[in-house]
Amino acid sequence: MKNNHVTVSDYSMKFGDKTIIDRLSFDVQRGEIFGFLGSNGSGKTTTLRTLLGIYRPTSGTLLIDGETYQTGHKTRLGYLPEERGLYKKESVIDTMVYFGVLKGMKRSVATVWSHDYLARVGLADKHSTKLDKLSGGQQQKIQLGVTIMNDPELLILDEPTKGLDPVNRRLLMDMVDEQNKKGTTIMLVTHQMEEVERLCERVIMLKDGKRAAYGTTDSVRSTFGRDVIVVRHTGKLPAESPHYSLSKHSSHYAELLPTRDATPKQILAYLLKHDVDIQLFEVRKPSLDDVFIKIYGETPDEAKEPRRA
């Protein structure tokens, strides 16, 4: 447990007669970026709220640095909930400085930090603007700034890039990566699987309050998915073959799932024999998107619909 920043052991949660979490155990190691994943209703938010002392567990233990979290805990913690909370009628700079002071920063330091941050995220000219005049994506940038401004040791981010376009999503995730390089441990809740594959060393996937997958991103992909052969081609691709089944197929693109004993060499030879003109033939490991669909039967985007647990 010495290297664990977060330890969850045999944790269960019931609301009335309904079991939300069922004997869940996992750990988050110090200094890693950990993907905390699942579809709606899987129990992610309930677990985070219990970890932070908002709920009390029905049974089990949830520890941060070996202790149950409560006000005044020794760990500097930053938490970005999915339900955002900013003072909408206050200016951007006043709000950021206010939160900085609450986190123990000197007002002058919080002011300089806030202006530097606003410049970095393209909002330098918005420092005196009331928050309710900003777009949802701009407010999201402010919320993240408030969350990271005291260099937390543990950062818990619930959908940090929600509502952002791809450019700003990459900007904020690069900033999260930088926080990690400073030594911050990060728990990342997101439905953007490409972010998880790029940043996370290990992941857990919850389903119906239970652990459905847990381990390194590579081990989860290998355990729950099969290699896929990607083909770009001209000519008619045989729909039936003793060597593969079609996973996806459009006029010039296909994803093939090899049968149990088929090799890529056999599949390539079969296609060439059937006069398929191949521009690309590539063996691809299953993605976390593939794993997500296999476990939950829905795409990560579908899992964003507003039903929380």
Protein backbone atom coordinates (compact mmCIF):
# COMPACT_ATOMS: atom_id res chain seq x y z
CA MET A 1 0.00 0.00 0.00
CA LYS A 2 3.04 2.27 0.40
CA ASN A 3 3.06 3.23 -3.30
CA ASN A 4 -0.72 3.49 -3.55
CA HIS A 5 -2.15 6.98 -3.55
CA VAL A 6 -5.71 5.61 -3.55
CA THR A 7 -6.79 2.24 -2.19
CA VAL A 8 -10.33 0.89 -2.48
CA SER A 9 -10.92 -2.43 -0.72
CA ASP A 10 -14.07 -4.58 -0.76
CA TYR A 11 -16.22 -1.47 -1.14
CA SER A 12 -20.00 -1.82 -1.37
CA MET A 13 -22.69 0.84 -1.47
CA LYS A 14 -26.43 0.42 -1.13
CA PHE A 15 -29.15 3.05 -1.39
CA GLY A 16 -32.13 1.43 0.29
CA ASP A 17 -32.48 -2.05 -1.16
CA LYS A 18 -30.55 -1.20 -4.33
CA THR A 19 -26.90 -2.23 -4.57
CA ILE A 20 -24.94 0.43 -6.48
CA ILE A 21 -21.41 -0.90 -5.85
CA ASP A 22 -20.72 -4.56 -5.14
CA ARG A 23 -17.43 -5.46 -3.39
CA LEU A 24 -15.20 -3.29 -5.51
CA SER A 25 -11.41 -3.27 -5.05
CA PHE A 26 -8.69 -1.40 -6.94
CA ASP A 27 -5.75 0.90 -6.33
CA VAL A 28 -4.27 3.99 -7.94
CA GLN A 29 -0.51 4.10 -7.73
CA ARG A 30 1.34 7.25 -6.80
CA GLY A 31 2.30 9.34 -9.82
CA GLU A 32 0.25 7.50 -12.45
CA ILE A 33 -2.63 8.58 -14.68
CA PHE A 34 -5.42 6.11 -14.00
CA GLY A 35 -8.47 5.72 -16.25
CA PHE A 36 -11.71 5.30 -14.29
CA LEU A 37 -14.21 4.19 -16.91
CA GLY A 38 -17.71 2.87 -17.36
CA SER A 39 -21.09 3.52 -18.92
CA ASN A 40 -23.83 5.50 -17.22
CA GLY A 41 -25.08 3.94 -14.01
CA SER A 42 -21.94 1.85 -13.57
CA GLY A 43 -21.04 3.47 -10.24
CA LYS A 44 -18.17 5.82 -11.09
CA THR A 45 -19.57 9.00 -9.55
CA THR A 46 -20.82 7.16 -6.46
CA THR A 47 -17.33 5.75 -5.91
CA LEU A 48 -15.67 9.17 -6.28
CA ARG A 49 -18.13 10.79 -3.87
CA THR A 50 -17.52 8.05 -1.33
CA LEU A 51 -13.76 8.35 -1.74
CA LEU A 52 -14.07 12.09 -1.00
CA GLY A 53 -16.23 11.59 2.08
CA ILE A 54 -19.47 12.91 0.55
CA TYR A 55 -21.06 9.46 1.01
CA ARG A 56 -20.29 6.86 3.64
CA PRO A 57 -19.74 3.33 2.32
CA THR A 58 -22.10 0.55 3.28
CA SER A 59 -19.01 -1.60 3.74
CA GLY A 60 -15.34 -1.66 2.83
CA THR A 61 -12.66 1.02 2.91
CA LEU A 62 -11.66 3.86 0.59
CA LEU A 63 -8.35 5.49 1.46
CA ILE A 64 -6.23 8.38 0.20
CA ASP A 65 -2.65 8.14 1.41
CA GLY A 66 -3.73 5.39 3.78
CA GLU A 67 -6.45 7.45 5.46
CA THR A 68 -10.15 8.06 5.06
CA TYR A 69 -10.54 11.46 3.43
CA GLN A 70 -12.08 14.28 5.44
CA THR A 71 -11.78 18.06 5.68
CA GLY A 72 -8.21 19.03 6.48
CA HIS A 73 -6.73 15.87 4.99
CA LYS A 74 -2.96 16.02 4.54
CA THR A 75 -3.12 15.48 0.76
CA ARG A 76 -3.55 18.49 -1.56
CA LEU A 77 -6.43 17.43 -3.72
CA GLY A 78 -8.04 18.87 -6.83
CA TYR A 79 -11.50 17.62 -7.83
CA LEU A 80 -13.31 18.54 -11.02
CA PRO A 81 -16.86 17.17 -10.76
CA GLU A 82 -18.99 16.63 -13.84
CA GLU A 83 -21.56 19.00 -12.36
CA ARG A 84 -19.61 22.26 -12.54
CA GLY A 85 -19.80 24.95 -9.87
CA LEU A 86 -18.65 28.53 -10.56
CA TYR A 87 -19.94 31.91 -9.42
CA LYS A 88 -21.54 32.89 -12.72
CA LYS A 89 -22.10 36.58 -11.87
CA GLU A 90 -18.48 37.19 -10.87
CA SER A 91 -15.62 38.05 -13.20
CA VAL A 92 -13.20 35.39 -14.37
CA ILE A 93 -10.18 36.80 -12.56
CA ASP A 94 -12.03 37.47 -9.29
CA THR A 95 -13.37 33.91 -9.28
CA MET A 96 -9.99 32.34 -9.94
CA VAL A 97 -8.17 34.45 -7.35
CA TYR A 98 -10.90 33.72 -4.80
CA PHE A 99 -10.47 29.98 -5.22
CA GLY A 100 -6.69 30.34 -5.16
CA VAL A 101 -6.86 32.08 -1.78
CA LEU A 102 -9.21 29.36 -0.50
CA LYS A 103 -6.57 26.83 -1.51
CA GLY A 104 -3.92 28.65 0.55
CA MET A 105 -2.25 30.76 -2.14
CA LYS A 106 -1.31 34.38 -1.51
CA ARG A 107 -3.60 36.74 -3.41
CA SER A 108 -0.69 38.16 -5.42
CA VAL A 109 0.50 34.68 -6.38
CA ALA A 110 -3.01 33.55 -7.32
CA THR A 111 -3.46 36.66 -9.47
CA VAL A 112 -0.24 36.14 -11.41
CA TRP A 113 -0.96 32.43 -11.83
CA SER A 114 -4.49 33.12 -13.09
CA HIS A 115 -3.37 35.66 -15.70
CA ASP A 116 -0.67 33.28 -16.94
CA TYR A 117 -3.20 30.45 -17.18
CA LEU A 118 -5.75 32.59 -19.04
CA ALA A 119 -3.11 33.56 -21.57
CA ARG A 120 -2.20 29.94 -22.12
CA VAL A 121 -5.79 28.80 -22.78
CA GLY A 122 -6.59 31.75 -25.05
CA LEU A 123 -8.75 33.70 -22.59
CA ALA A 124 -6.43 36.57 -21.63
CA ASP A 125 -8.91 39.11 -22.96
CA LYS A 126 -11.73 37.59 -20.84
CA HIS A 127 -10.21 38.24 -17.41
CA SER A 128 -12.81 40.88 -16.48
CA THR A 129 -15.76 39.15 -18.19
CA LYS A 130 -18.56 37.73 -16.06
CA LEU A 131 -18.54 33.96 -16.16
CA ASP A 132 -22.13 33.72 -17.39
CA LYS A 133 -21.06 35.57 -20.55
CA LEU A 134 -18.60 32.82 -21.47
CA SER A 135 -19.39 29.80 -23.60
CA GLY A 136 -19.64 26.38 -21.97
CA GLY A 137 -16.21 25.42 -23.29
CA GLN A 138 -14.65 28.64 -21.97
CA GLN A 139 -16.21 28.05 -18.56
CA GLN A 140 -14.78 24.54 -18.65
CA LYS A 141 -11.28 25.97 -19.11
CA ILE A 142 -11.79 28.21 -16.07
CA GLN A 143 -13.07 25.28 -14.04
CA LEU A 144 -9.99 23.22 -14.86
CA GLY A 145 -7.71 26.14 -14.00
CA VAL A 146 -9.35 26.50 -10.60
CA THR A 147 -8.89 22.76 -10.05
CA ILE A 148 -5.15 22.61 -10.79
CA MET A 149 -3.99 26.03 -9.58
CA ASN A 150 -2.54 24.85 -6.27
CA ASP A 151 -0.52 21.98 -7.85
CA PRO A 152 -2.56 19.21 -6.20
CA GLU A 153 -0.88 15.94 -5.31
CA LEU A 154 -4.01 14.03 -6.34
CA LEU A 155 -6.19 15.25 -9.19
CA ILE A 156 -9.62 13.72 -9.83
CA LEU A 157 -11.11 14.80 -13.15
CA ASP A 158 -14.66 13.87 -14.14
CA GLU A 159 -15.11 14.50 -17.89
CA PRO A 160 -12.56 17.37 -18.00
CA THR A 161 -12.91 17.96 -21.76
CA LYS A 162 -16.70 17.81 -21.91
CA GLY A 163 -18.01 20.41 -24.38
CA LEU A 164 -14.62 21.19 -25.92
CA ASP A 165 -13.67 21.00 -29.57
CA PRO A 166 -10.74 18.71 -30.56
CA VAL A 167 -8.15 21.52 -30.49
CA ASN A 168 -9.06 22.69 -27.00
CA ARG A 169 -9.50 19.11 -25.84
CA ARG A 170 -5.91 18.37 -26.81
CA LEU A 171 -4.71 21.60 -25.15
CA LEU A 172 -6.32 20.72 -21.82
CA MET A 173 -5.21 17.09 -21.92
CA ASP A 174 -1.65 18.25 -22.61
CA MET A 175 -1.94 20.37 -19.46
CA VAL A 176 -3.16 17.35 -17.52
CA ASP A 177 -0.15 15.41 -18.82
CA GLU A 178 2.13 18.22 -17.64
CA GLN A 179 0.60 18.06 -14.16
CA ASN A 180 1.39 14.37 -14.09
CA LYS A 181 4.99 15.02 -15.12
CA LYS A 182 5.27 17.25 -12.04
CA GLY A 183 4.38 14.20 -9.93
CA THR A 184 0.61 14.59 -9.62
CA THR A 185 -1.44 11.41 -9.42
CA ILE A 186 -4.48 11.66 -11.70
CA MET A 187 -7.77 9.77 -11.77
CA LEU A 188 -9.37 10.46 -15.14
CA VAL A 189 -13.06 9.83 -15.82
CA THR A 190 -13.82 10.20 -19.51
CA HIS A 191 -15.65 8.66 -22.45
CA GLN A 192 -12.89 9.79 -24.83
CA MET A 193 -11.06 6.50 -25.25
CA GLU A 194 -8.31 8.06 -27.35
CA GLU A 195 -7.43 10.24 -24.34
CA VAL A 196 -7.23 7.16 -22.16
CA GLU A 197 -5.01 5.29 -24.62
CA ARG A 198 -2.71 8.29 -24.94
CA LEU A 199 -2.38 9.13 -21.25
CA CYS A 200 -3.34 6.28 -18.94
CA GLU A 201 -1.02 3.57 -17.74
CA ARG A 202 -3.78 1.49 -16.15
CA VAL A 203 -7.56 1.47 -16.25
CA ILE A 204 -10.58 0.05 -14.53
CA MET A 205 -13.96 -0.42 -16.19
CA LEU A 206 -17.05 -0.70 -14.01
CA LYS A 207 -20.26 -2.39 -15.07
CA ASP A 208 -23.31 -2.46 -12.82
CA GLY A 209 -21.18 -1.60 -9.81
CA LYS A 210 -18.69 -4.39 -10.39
CA ARG A 211 -15.20 -4.53 -11.83
CA ALA A 212 -15.48 -5.62 -15.47
CA ALA A 213 -11.86 -4.96 -16.51
CA TYR A 214 -8.74 -3.86 -14.64
CA GLY A 215 -5.07 -3.61 -15.47
CA THR A 216 -2.72 -1.94 -17.90
CA THR A 217 -4.30 -0.55 -21.05
CA ASP A 218 -2.43 -3.16 -23.11
CA SER A 219 -3.53 -6.08 -20.94
CA VAL A 220 -7.17 -4.95 -20.99
CA ARG A 221 -7.09 -4.59 -24.77
CA SER A 222 -5.52 -8.03 -25.17
CA THR A 223 -7.88 -9.75 -22.75
CA PHE A 224 -11.14 -8.33 -24.07
CA GLY A 225 -10.38 -7.82 -27.74
CA ARG A 226 -9.00 -9.64 -30.76
CA ASP A 227 -6.54 -8.46 -33.36
CA VAL A 228 -8.23 -6.82 -36.33
CA ILE A 229 -6.90 -6.73 -39.88
CA VAL A 230 -7.53 -3.39 -41.57
CA VAL A 231 -7.77 -3.47 -45.36
CA ARG A 232 -8.09 -0.63 -47.86
CA HIS A 233 -8.83 -2.03 -51.28
CA THR A 234 -10.41 -1.86 -54.69
CA GLY A 235 -12.26 -4.76 -56.16
CA LYS A 236 -14.91 -6.85 -54.50
CA LEU A 237 -13.94 -8.19 -51.09
CA PRO A 238 -15.26 -11.72 -50.42
CA ALA A 239 -17.86 -11.45 -47.67
CA GLU A 240 -17.43 -15.08 -46.66
CA SER A 241 -14.13 -16.76 -45.96
CA PRO A 242 -12.82 -19.68 -43.93
CA HIS A 243 -10.14 -17.32 -42.61
CA TYR A 244 -12.06 -14.29 -41.35
CA SER A 245 -15.39 -12.63 -40.69
CA LEU A 246 -16.25 -9.05 -41.62
CA SER A 247 -16.39 -6.64 -38.68
CA LYS A 248 -16.80 -3.44 -40.69
CA HIS A 249 -17.07 -2.99 -44.44
CA SER A 250 -17.62 -0.07 -46.79
CA SER A 251 -16.83 0.26 -50.48
CA HIS A 252 -13.04 0.50 -50.08
CA TYR A 253 -12.41 -0.22 -46.38
CA ALA A 254 -12.85 -3.31 -44.26
CA GLU A 255 -11.98 -4.64 -40.81
CA LEU A 256 -11.54 -8.40 -40.69
CA LEU A 257 -11.67 -10.60 -37.60
CA PRO A 258 -9.41 -13.63 -38.15
CA THR A 259 -10.79 -17.04 -37.32
CA ARG A 260 -9.09 -18.88 -34.48
CA ASP A 261 -6.31 -20.54 -36.49
CA ALA A 262 -5.96 -18.10 -39.39
CA THR A 263 -2.76 -16.13 -39.84
CA PRO A 264 -2.45 -12.70 -41.50
CA LYS A 265 -0.36 -14.36 -44.24
CA GLN A 266 -3.20 -16.78 -45.04
CA ILE A 267 -5.73 -13.95 -45.14
CA LEU A 268 -3.56 -11.85 -47.44
CA ALA A 269 -3.05 -14.80 -49.78
CA TYR A 270 -6.79 -15.48 -49.82
CA LEU A 271 -7.58 -11.87 -50.78
CA LEU A 272 -4.98 -11.78 -53.53
CA LYS A 273 -6.29 -15.08 -54.89
CA HIS A 274 -9.71 -13.43 -55.21
CA ASP A 275 -8.26 -10.49 -57.17
CA VAL A 276 -8.63 -7.90 -54.41
CA ASP A 277 -6.37 -4.93 -55.15
CA ILE A 278 -4.91 -4.05 -51.74
CA GLN A 279 -3.60 -0.57 -50.89
CA LEU A 280 -3.29 -1.21 -47.14
CA PHE A 281 -3.08 -4.41 -45.13
CA GLU A 282 -2.44 -3.85 -41.42
CA VAL A 283 -2.82 -5.88 -38.24
CA ARG A 284 -4.24 -3.67 -35.51
CA LYS A 285 -4.58 -4.40 -31.82
CA PRO A 286 -8.11 -3.87 -30.46
CA SER A 287 -8.72 -0.34 -29.25
CA LEU A 288 -10.28 0.62 -25.92
CA ASP A 289 -13.30 1.67 -27.98
CA ASP A 290 -13.56 -1.96 -29.13
CA VAL A 291 -13.26 -3.17 -25.54
CA PHE A 292 -15.84 -0.65 -24.32
CA ILE A 293 -18.37 -1.81 -26.92
CA LYS A 294 -17.73 -5.46 -26.09
CA ILE A 295 -18.27 -4.92 -22.36
CA TYR A 296 -21.16 -2.46 -22.45
CA GLY A 297 -22.74 -3.02 -25.84
CA GLU A 298 -22.68 0.70 -26.59
CA THR A 299 -20.22 3.26 -27.90
CA PRO A 300 -18.53 5.65 -25.44
CA ASP A 301 -20.56 8.52 -26.97
CA GLU A 302 -23.81 6.71 -26.21
CA ALA A 303 -22.62 6.21 -22.64
CA LYS A 304 -22.68 9.99 -22.11
CA GLU A 305 -26.46 10.23 -21.94
CA PRO A 306 -27.50 11.89 -18.65
CA ARG A 307 -28.12 9.01 -16.30
CA ARG A 308 -25.65 9.13 -13.45
CA ALA A 309 -24.63 6.81 -10.64
